[in-house]
PDB file of N, CA and C in Angstrom:
ATOM      1  N   MET A   1       0.776  -1.179   0.019  1.00  0.00           N
ATOM      2  CA  MET A   1      -0.094   0.014   0.025  1.00  0.00           C
ATOM      3  C   MET A   1       0.902   1.179   0.064  1.00  0.00           C
ATOM      4  N   SER A   2       0.421   2.231  -0.732  1.00  0.00           N
ATOM      5  CA  SER A   2       1.316   3.431  -0.773  1.00  0.00           C
ATOM      6  C   SER A   2       1.094   4.359   0.342  1.00  0.00           C
ATOM      7  N   PHE A   3       2.000   5.302   0.464  1.00  0.00           N
ATOM      8  CA  PHE A   3       1.862   6.330   1.586  1.00  0.00           C
ATOM      9  C   PHE A   3       0.495   6.936   1.660  1.00  0.00           C
ATOM     10  N   LEU A   4      -0.002   7.394   0.532  1.00  0.00           N
ATOM     11  CA  LEU A   4      -1.321   8.030   0.532  1.00  0.00           C
ATOM     12  C   LEU A   4      -2.322   7.018   0.945  1.00  0.00           C
ATOM     13  N   GLY A   5      -2.273   5.776   0.530  1.00  0.00           N
ATOM     14  CA  GLY A   5      -3.118   4.857   0.870  1.00  0.00           C
ATOM     15  C   GLY A   5      -3.192   4.569   2.409  1.00  0.00           C
ATOM     16  N   TRP A   6      -2.012   4.583   2.949  1.00  0.00           N
ATOM     17  CA  TRP A   6      -1.840   4.487   4.442  1.00  0.00           C
ATOM     18  C   TRP A   6      -2.649   5.566   5.122  1.00  0.00           C
ATOM     19  N   ILE A   7      -2.458   6.845   4.630  1.00  0.00           N
ATOM     20  CA  ILE A   7      -3.083   7.972   5.265  1.00  0.00           C
ATOM     21  C   ILE A   7      -4.550   7.910   5.072  1.00  0.00           C
ATOM     22  N   PHE A   8      -5.097   7.478   3.959  1.00  0.00           N
ATOM     23  CA  PHE A   8      -6.545   7.431   3.731  1.00  0.00           C
ATOM     24  C   PHE A   8      -7.071   6.199   4.572  1.00  0.00           C
ATOM     25  N   PHE A   9      -6.459   5.069   4.656  1.00  0.00           N
ATOM     26  CA  PHE A   9      -6.909   3.945   5.379  1.00  0.00           C
ATOM     27  C   PHE A   9      -6.794   4.229   6.917  1.00  0.00           C
ATOM     28  N   GLY A  10      -5.731   4.953   7.342  1.00  0.00           N
ATOM     29  CA  GLY A  10      -5.702   5.414   8.746  1.00  0.00           C
ATOM     30  C   GLY A  10      -6.723   6.435   9.126  1.00  0.00           C
ATOM     31  N   ALA A  11      -7.036   7.407   8.155  1.00  0.00           N
ATOM     32  CA  ALA A  11      -8.072   8.489   8.471  1.00  0.00           C
ATOM     33  C   ALA A  11      -9.440   7.796   8.590  1.00  0.00           C
ATOM     34  N   LEU A  12      -9.714   6.717   7.712  1.00  0.00           N
ATOM     35  CA  LEU A  12     -11.031   6.156   7.712  1.00  0.00           C
ATOM     36  C   LEU A  12     -11.126   5.255   9.022  1.00  0.00           C
ATOM     37  N   ALA A  13     -10.096   4.588   9.366  1.00  0.00           N
ATOM     38  CA  ALA A  13     -10.172   3.698  10.560  1.00  0.00           C
ATOM     39  C   ALA A  13     -10.213   4.562  11.805  1.00  0.00           C
ATOM     40  N   GLY A  14      -9.582   5.743  11.898  1.00  0.00           N
ATOM     41  CA  GLY A  14      -9.559   6.684  13.005  1.00  0.00           C
ATOM     42  C   GLY A  14     -10.913   7.379  12.976  1.00  0.00           C
ATOM     43  N   TRP A  15     -11.557   7.631  11.955  1.00  0.00           N
ATOM     44  CA  TRP A  15     -12.715   8.323  11.969  1.00  0.00           C
ATOM     45  C   TRP A  15     -13.840   7.430  12.521  1.00  0.00           C
ATOM     46  N   ILE A  16     -13.860   6.118  12.073  1.00  0.00           N
ATOM     47  CA  ILE A  16     -14.693   5.070  12.519  1.00  0.00           C
ATOM     48  C   ILE A  16     -14.563   4.945  14.024  1.00  0.00           C
ATOM     49  N   ALA A  17     -13.288   4.921  14.513  1.00  0.00           N
ATOM     50  CA  ALA A  17     -12.975   4.677  16.002  1.00  0.00           C
ATOM     51  C   ALA A  17     -13.509   5.936  16.684  1.00  0.00           C
ATOM     52  N   SER A  18     -13.473   7.113  16.225  1.00  0.00           N
ATOM     53  CA  SER A  18     -13.886   8.470  16.879  1.00  0.00           C
ATOM     54  C   SER A  18     -15.321   8.419  17.106  1.00  0.00           C
ATOM     55  N   LEU A  19     -16.150   7.860  15.990  1.00  0.00           N
ATOM     56  CA  LEU A  19     -17.553   7.817  15.987  1.00  0.00           C
ATOM     57  C   LEU A  19     -18.004   6.769  17.134  1.00  0.00           C
ATOM     58  N   VAL A  20     -17.312   5.568  17.215  1.00  0.00           N
ATOM     59  CA  VAL A  20     -17.664   4.687  18.140  1.00  0.00           C
ATOM     60  C   VAL A  20     -17.413   5.046  19.533  1.00  0.00           C
ATOM     61  N   VAL A  21     -16.257   5.680  19.762  1.00  0.00           N
ATOM     62  CA  VAL A  21     -15.794   6.096  21.141  1.00  0.00           C
ATOM     63  C   VAL A  21     -16.567   7.479  21.469  1.00  0.00           C
ATOM     64  N   GLY A  22     -16.986   8.227  20.540  1.00  0.00           N
ATOM     65  CA  GLY A  22     -17.584   9.493  20.815  1.00  0.00           C
ATOM     66  C   GLY A  22     -16.573  10.544  20.996  1.00  0.00           C
ATOM     67  N   ASP A  23     -15.477  10.552  20.376  1.00  0.00           N
ATOM     68  CA  ASP A  23     -14.478  11.362  20.533  1.00  0.00           C
ATOM     69  C   ASP A  23     -14.091  12.227  19.327  1.00  0.00           C
ATOM     70  N   ARG A  24     -14.045  13.544  19.468  1.00  0.00           N
ATOM     71  CA  ARG A  24     -13.827  14.385  18.322  1.00  0.00           C
ATOM     72  C   ARG A  24     -12.540  15.091  18.448  1.00  0.00           C
ATOM     73  N   ARG A  25     -11.525  14.501  17.824  1.00  0.00           N
ATOM     74  CA  ARG A  25     -10.088  15.240  17.986  1.00  0.00           C
ATOM     75  C   ARG A  25      -9.653  15.913  16.774  1.00  0.00           C
ATOM     76  N   GLY A  26     -10.249  15.671  15.716  1.00  0.00           N
ATOM     77  CA  GLY A  26      -9.854  16.205  14.290  1.00  0.00           C
ATOM     78  C   GLY A  26      -9.419  15.241  13.342  1.00  0.00           C
ATOM     79  N   CYS A  27      -9.173  15.663  12.037  1.00  0.00           N
ATOM     80  CA  CYS A  27      -8.877  14.779  11.054  1.00  0.00           C
ATOM     81  C   CYS A  27      -7.414  14.273  11.153  1.00  0.00           C
ATOM     82  N   PHE A  28      -6.408  15.180  11.592  1.00  0.00           N
ATOM     83  CA  PHE A  28      -5.026  14.752  11.710  1.00  0.00           C
ATOM     84  C   PHE A  28      -4.898  13.721  12.792  1.00  0.00           C
ATOM     85  N   MET A  29      -5.602  13.881  13.992  1.00  0.00           N
ATOM     86  CA  MET A  29      -5.409  12.986  15.038  1.00  0.00           C
ATOM     87  C   MET A  29      -6.212  11.588  14.641  1.00  0.00           C
ATOM     88  N   ASN A  30      -7.211  11.664  13.882  1.00  0.00           N
ATOM     89  CA  ASN A  30      -7.820  10.426  13.260  1.00  0.00           C
ATOM     90  C   ASN A  30      -6.787   9.662  12.500  1.00  0.00           C
ATOM     91  N   ILE A  31      -5.995  10.369  11.631  1.00  0.00           N
ATOM     92  CA  ILE A  31      -5.092   9.671  10.809  1.00  0.00           C
ATOM     93  C   ILE A  31      -4.011   9.065  11.715  1.00  0.00           C
ATOM     94  N   ILE A  32      -3.518   9.715  12.733  1.00  0.00           N
ATOM     95  CA  ILE A  32      -2.465   9.205  13.608  1.00  0.00           C
ATOM     96  C   ILE A  32      -3.007   7.852  14.339  1.00  0.00           C
ATOM     97  N   VAL A  33      -4.200   8.070  14.965  1.00  0.00           N
ATOM     98  CA  VAL A  33      -4.778   7.027  15.735  1.00  0.00           C
ATOM     99  C   VAL A  33      -5.109   5.948  14.751  1.00  0.00           C
ATOM    100  N   GLY A  34      -5.563   6.155  13.715  1.00  0.00           N
ATOM    101  CA  GLY A  34      -5.928   5.018  12.736  1.00  0.00           C
ATOM    102  C   GLY A  34      -4.846   4.192  12.279  1.00  0.00           C
ATOM    103  N   VAL A  35      -3.608   4.864  11.883  1.00  0.00           N
ATOM    104  CA  VAL A  35      -2.388   4.180  11.441  1.00  0.00           C
ATOM    105  C   VAL A  35      -1.731   3.477  12.532  1.00  0.00           C
ATOM    106  N   LEU A  36      -1.566   4.142  13.692  1.00  0.00           N
ATOM    107  CA  LEU A  36      -0.968   3.391  14.855  1.00  0.00           C
ATOM    108  C   LEU A  36      -1.961   2.371  15.337  1.00  0.00           C
ATOM    109  N   GLY A  37      -3.146   2.632  15.412  1.00  0.00           N
ATOM    110  CA  GLY A  37      -4.124   1.484  15.892  1.00  0.00           C
ATOM    111  C   GLY A  37      -3.919   0.218  14.914  1.00  0.00           C
ATOM    112  N   ALA A  38      -3.834   0.542  13.554  1.00  0.00           N
ATOM    113  CA  ALA A  38      -3.750  -0.604  12.552  1.00  0.00           C
ATOM    114  C   ALA A  38      -2.410  -1.266  12.812  1.00  0.00           C
ATOM    115  N   VAL A  39      -1.395  -0.608  13.060  1.00  0.00           N
ATOM    116  CA  VAL A  39      -0.102  -1.332  13.131  1.00  0.00           C
ATOM    117  C   VAL A  39      -0.115  -2.105  14.416  1.00  0.00           C
ATOM    118  N   LEU A  40      -0.566  -1.580  15.647  1.00  0.00           N
ATOM    119  CA  LEU A  40      -0.631  -2.183  16.862  1.00  0.00           C
ATOM    120  C   LEU A  40      -1.456  -3.531  16.806  1.00  0.00           C
ATOM    121  N   ALA A  41      -2.716  -3.339  16.199  1.00  0.00           N
ATOM    122  CA  ALA A  41      -3.725  -4.413  16.046  1.00  0.00           C
ATOM    123  C   ALA A  41      -3.127  -5.638  15.155  1.00  0.00           C
ATOM    124  N   GLY A  42      -2.401  -5.112  14.077  1.00  0.00           N
ATOM    125  CA  GLY A  42      -1.740  -6.127  13.238  1.00  0.00           C
ATOM    126  C   GLY A  42      -0.674  -6.848  13.904  1.00  0.00           C
ATOM    127  N   PHE A  43       0.133  -6.238  14.759  1.00  0.00           N
ATOM    128  CA  PHE A  43       1.042  -6.972  15.512  1.00  0.00           C
ATOM    129  C   PHE A  43       0.431  -7.784  16.622  1.00  0.00           C
ATOM    130  N   ILE A  44      -0.459  -7.441  17.221  1.00  0.00           N
ATOM    131  CA  ILE A  44      -1.156  -8.257  18.268  1.00  0.00           C
ATOM    132  C   ILE A  44      -1.866  -9.472  17.588  1.00  0.00           C
ATOM    133  N   TYR A  45      -2.401  -9.233  16.317  1.00  0.00           N
ATOM    134  CA  TYR A  45      -3.039 -10.281  15.608  1.00  0.00           C
ATOM    135  C   TYR A  45      -1.912 -11.379  15.158  1.00  0.00           C
ATOM    136  N   GLN A  46      -0.890 -10.912  14.798  1.00  0.00           N
ATOM    137  CA  GLN A  46       0.221 -11.850  14.305  1.00  0.00           C
ATOM    138  C   GLN A  46       0.677 -12.599  15.555  1.00  0.00           C
ATOM    139  N   LEU A  47       0.872 -11.984  16.744  1.00  0.00           N
ATOM    140  CA  LEU A  47       1.274 -12.758  17.871  1.00  0.00           C
ATOM    141  C   LEU A  47       0.180 -13.692  18.314  1.00  0.00           C
ATOM    142  N   SER A  48      -0.959 -13.380  18.379  1.00  0.00           N
ATOM    143  CA  SER A  48      -2.076 -14.246  18.859  1.00  0.00           C
ATOM    144  C   SER A  48      -2.448 -15.425  17.934  1.00  0.00           C
ATOM    145  N   THR A  49      -2.316 -15.230  16.701  1.00  0.00           N
ATOM    146  CA  THR A  49      -2.819 -16.217  15.801  1.00  0.00           C
ATOM    147  C   THR A  49      -1.655 -17.020  15.128  1.00  0.00           C
ATOM    148  N   GLY A  50      -0.481 -16.343  14.958  1.00  0.00           N
ATOM    149  CA  GLY A  50       0.658 -17.053  14.404  1.00  0.00           C
ATOM    150  C   GLY A  50       0.612 -16.827  12.769  1.00  0.00           C
ATOM    151  N   ARG A  51      -0.292 -16.162  12.314  1.00  0.00           N
ATOM    152  CA  ARG A  51      -0.370 -15.994  10.785  1.00  0.00           C
ATOM    153  C   ARG A  51      -0.003 -14.641  10.628  1.00  0.00           C
ATOM    154  N   SER A  52       0.593 -14.363   9.469  1.00  0.00           N
ATOM    155  CA  SER A  52       1.026 -12.997   8.947  1.00  0.00           C
ATOM    156  C   SER A  52      -0.345 -12.194   8.688  1.00  0.00           C
ATOM    157  N   TRP A  53      -0.128 -10.908   8.878  1.00  0.00           N
ATOM    158  CA  TRP A  53      -1.219  -9.929   8.429  1.00  0.00           C
ATOM    159  C   TRP A  53      -0.730  -9.113   7.332  1.00  0.00           C
ATOM    160  N   SER A  54      -1.504  -9.084   6.260  1.00  0.00           N
ATOM    161  CA  SER A  54      -1.071  -8.156   5.189  1.00  0.00           C
ATOM    162  C   SER A  54      -1.706  -6.876   5.315  1.00  0.00           C
ATOM    163  N   PHE A  55      -0.974  -5.848   4.934  1.00  0.00           N
ATOM    164  CA  PHE A  55      -1.431  -4.514   5.020  1.00  0.00           C
ATOM    165  C   PHE A  55      -2.029  -4.074   3.631  1.00  0.00           C
ATOM    166  N   THR A  56      -3.218  -4.723   3.342  1.00  0.00           N
ATOM    167  CA  THR A  56      -3.847  -4.497   2.080  1.00  0.00           C
ATOM    168  C   THR A  56      -5.286  -3.989   2.381  1.00  0.00           C
ATOM    169  N   TRP A  57      -5.980  -3.554   1.239  1.00  0.00           N
ATOM    170  CA  TRP A  57      -7.278  -3.158   1.324  1.00  0.00           C
ATOM    171  C   TRP A  57      -8.157  -4.335   1.394  1.00  0.00           C
ATOM    172  N   SER A  58      -8.619  -4.803   2.549  1.00  0.00           N
ATOM    173  CA  SER A  58      -9.664  -5.864   2.605  1.00  0.00           C
ATOM    174  C   SER A  58     -10.466  -5.723   3.894  1.00  0.00           C
ATOM    175  N   TRP A  59     -11.574  -6.224   3.873  1.00  0.00           N
ATOM    176  CA  TRP A  59     -12.520  -6.022   5.087  1.00  0.00           C
ATOM    177  C   TRP A  59     -11.896  -6.567   6.368  1.00  0.00           C
ATOM    178  N   PRO A  60     -11.224  -7.799   6.375  1.00  0.00           N
ATOM    179  CA  PRO A  60     -10.709  -8.077   7.596  1.00  0.00           C
ATOM    180  C   PRO A  60      -9.629  -7.127   8.122  1.00  0.00           C
ATOM    181  N   SER A  61      -8.758  -6.696   7.160  1.00  0.00           N
ATOM    182  CA  SER A  61      -7.844  -5.720   7.419  1.00  0.00           C
ATOM    183  C   SER A  61      -8.333  -4.459   8.023  1.00  0.00           C
ATOM    184  N   PHE A  62      -9.373  -3.932   7.498  1.00  0.00           N
ATOM    185  CA  PHE A  62     -10.113  -2.795   7.933  1.00  0.00           C
ATOM    186  C   PHE A  62     -10.732  -3.013   9.290  1.00  0.00           C
ATOM    187  N   GLY A  63     -11.428  -4.181   9.542  1.00  0.00           N
ATOM    188  CA  GLY A  63     -11.920  -4.418  10.865  1.00  0.00           C
ATOM    189  C   GLY A  63     -10.908  -4.408  11.950  1.00  0.00           C
ATOM    190  N   ILE A  64      -9.839  -5.070  11.651  1.00  0.00           N
ATOM    191  CA  ILE A  64      -8.682  -5.062  12.678  1.00  0.00           C
ATOM    192  C   ILE A  64      -8.031  -3.708  12.870  1.00  0.00           C
ATOM    193  N   ALA A  65      -7.905  -2.929  11.823  1.00  0.00           N
ATOM    194  CA  ALA A  65      -7.450  -1.544  11.962  1.00  0.00           C
ATOM    195  C   ALA A  65      -8.404  -0.680  12.807  1.00  0.00           C
ATOM    196  N   CYS A  66      -9.755  -0.926  12.627  1.00  0.00           N
ATOM    197  CA  CYS A  66     -10.697  -0.116  13.398  1.00  0.00           C
ATOM    198  C   CYS A  66     -10.640  -0.573  14.859  1.00  0.00           C
ATOM    199  N   LEU A  67     -10.575  -1.888  15.062  1.00  0.00           N
ATOM    200  CA  LEU A  67     -10.468  -2.359  16.514  1.00  0.00           C
ATOM    201  C   LEU A  67      -9.268  -1.856  17.185  1.00  0.00           C
ATOM    202  N   GLY A  68      -8.178  -1.813  16.428  1.00  0.00           N
ATOM    203  CA  GLY A  68      -6.849  -1.209  17.051  1.00  0.00           C
ATOM    204  C   GLY A  68      -6.909   0.241  17.308  1.00  0.00           C
ATOM    205  N   ALA A  69      -7.687   0.906  16.337  1.00  0.00           N
ATOM    206  CA  ALA A  69      -7.859   2.438  16.636  1.00  0.00           C
ATOM    207  C   ALA A  69      -8.774   2.786  17.748  1.00  0.00           C
ATOM    208  N   ILE A  70      -9.834   1.916  17.876  1.00  0.00           N
ATOM    209  CA  ILE A  70     -10.765   2.112  19.035  1.00  0.00           C
ATOM    210  C   ILE A  70      -9.974   1.804  20.291  1.00  0.00           C
ATOM    211  N   GLY A  71      -9.225   0.743  20.375  1.00  0.00           N
ATOM    212  CA  GLY A  71      -8.583   0.466  21.469  1.00  0.00           C
ATOM    213  C   GLY A  71      -7.518   1.481  21.852  1.00  0.00           C
ATOM    214  N   LEU A  72      -6.805   1.932  20.865  1.00  0.00           N
ATOM    215  CA  LEU A  72      -5.869   3.077  21.116  1.00  0.00           C
ATOM    216  C   LEU A  72      -6.490   4.357  21.551  1.00  0.00           C
ATOM    217  N   LEU A  73      -7.625   4.704  21.030  1.00  0.00           N
ATOM    218  CA  LEU A  73      -8.363   5.739  21.339  1.00  0.00           C
ATOM    219  C   LEU A  73      -8.930   5.740  22.783  1.00  0.00           C
ATOM    220  N   LEU A  74      -9.305   4.554  23.273  1.00  0.00           N
ATOM    221  CA  LEU A  74      -9.823   4.371  24.542  1.00  0.00           C
ATOM    222  C   LEU A  74      -8.573   4.543  25.472  1.00  0.00           C
ATOM    223  N   VAL A  75      -7.341   4.068  25.208  1.00  0.00           N
ATOM    224  CA  VAL A  75      -6.275   4.167  26.132  1.00  0.00           C
ATOM    225  C   VAL A  75      -5.833   5.713  26.149  1.00  0.00           C
ATOM    226  N   VAL A  76      -5.824   6.339  25.054  1.00  0.00           N
ATOM    227  CA  VAL A  76      -5.489   7.727  25.062  1.00  0.00           C
ATOM    228  C   VAL A  76      -6.494   8.550  25.926  1.00  0.00           C
ATOM    229  N   ASN A  77      -7.694   8.297  25.862  1.00  0.00           N
ATOM    230  CA  ASN A  77      -8.804   8.854  26.673  1.00  0.00           C
ATOM    231  C   ASN A  77      -8.570   8.595  28.187  1.00  0.00           C
ATOM    232  N   ILE A  78      -8.313   7.380  28.429  1.00  0.00           N
ATOM    233  CA  ILE A  78      -7.906   7.140  29.912  1.00  0.00           C
ATOM    234  C   ILE A  78      -6.655   7.768  30.452  1.00  0.00           C
ATOM    235  N   ILE A  79      -5.794   7.785  29.652  1.00  0.00           N
ATOM    236  CA  ILE A  79      -4.447   8.500  30.086  1.00  0.00           C
ATOM    237  C   ILE A  79      -4.685  10.060  30.190  1.00  0.00           C
ATOM    238  N   THR A  80      -5.332  10.666  29.177  1.00  0.00           N
ATOM    239  CA  THR A  80      -5.426  12.087  29.334  1.00  0.00           C
ATOM    240  C   THR A  80      -6.757  12.515  30.050  1.00  0.00           C
ATOM    241  N   GLY A  81      -7.647  11.522  30.353  1.00  0.00           N
ATOM    242  CA  GLY A  81      -8.792  11.955  31.187  1.00  0.00           C
ATOM    243  C   GLY A  81      -9.785  12.666  30.395  1.00  0.00           C
ATOM    244  N   ALA A  82      -9.747  12.394  29.156  1.00  0.00           N
ATOM    245  CA  ALA A  82     -10.636  13.310  28.258  1.00  0.00           C
ATOM    246  C   ALA A  82     -12.078  12.723  28.350  1.00  0.00           C
ATOM    247  N   GLY A  83     -12.283  11.505  28.685  1.00  0.00           N
ATOM    248  CA  GLY A  83     -13.704  11.083  28.850  1.00  0.00           C
ATOM    249  C   GLY A  83     -14.395  11.707  30.032  1.00  0.00           C
ATOM    250  N   ARG A  84     -13.609  11.943  31.098  1.00  0.00           N
ATOM    251  CA  ARG A  84     -14.316  12.602  32.238  1.00  0.00           C
ATOM    252  C   ARG A  84     -14.555  14.188  32.000  1.00  0.00           C
ATOM    253  N   ARG A  85     -13.667  14.765  31.209  1.00  0.00           N
ATOM    254  CA  ARG A  85     -13.907  16.155  30.902  1.00  0.00           C
ATOM    255  C   ARG A  85     -15.045  16.310  29.943  1.00  0.00           C
ATOM    256  N   ASN A  86     -15.349  15.425  29.060  1.00  0.00           N
ATOM    257  CA  ASN A  86     -16.418  15.505  28.061  1.00  0.00           C
ATOM    258  C   ASN A  86     -17.842  15.224  28.700  1.00  0.00           C
ATOM    259  N   ARG A  87     -17.756  14.611  29.933  1.00  0.00           N
ATOM    260  CA  ARG A  87     -19.143  14.211  30.569  1.00  0.00           C
ATOM    261  C   ARG A  87     -19.645  15.375  31.374  1.00  0.00           C
ATOM    262  N   ARG A  88     -18.771  16.399  31.779  1.00  0.00           N
ATOM    263  CA  ARG A  88     -19.192  17.457  32.644  1.00  0.00           C
ATOM    264  C   ARG A  88     -20.020  18.418  32.021  1.00  0.00           C
TER     265      ARG A  88
END
C-alpha cells in the first residue's frame, strides 16, 4: 500500500473509531490514531494467531485496523482523562 493509501486507510479507521468512542479530535488525530491502531492491532493479531497480516485493502484488515484504533483511542482517553472532561 502506498503512503497516501496508508493515510486514507488510517483516516477512515480513525474516523470510525472516533464515532464509536464518541471522541472528536480532528482529522489529523484520526489519521495518527488510525495508522498506529492498525499497526498495533496487526502486531497483536500476528502474535495471537501465528499468521501474518497483510497491509492491504480488505474487510478483515479494515476491521482489525478499526479495532486497534478504538483500543488506542480508549487508552488515550484514559491516560488524558478526556472522557471525564467531556461528561461534565
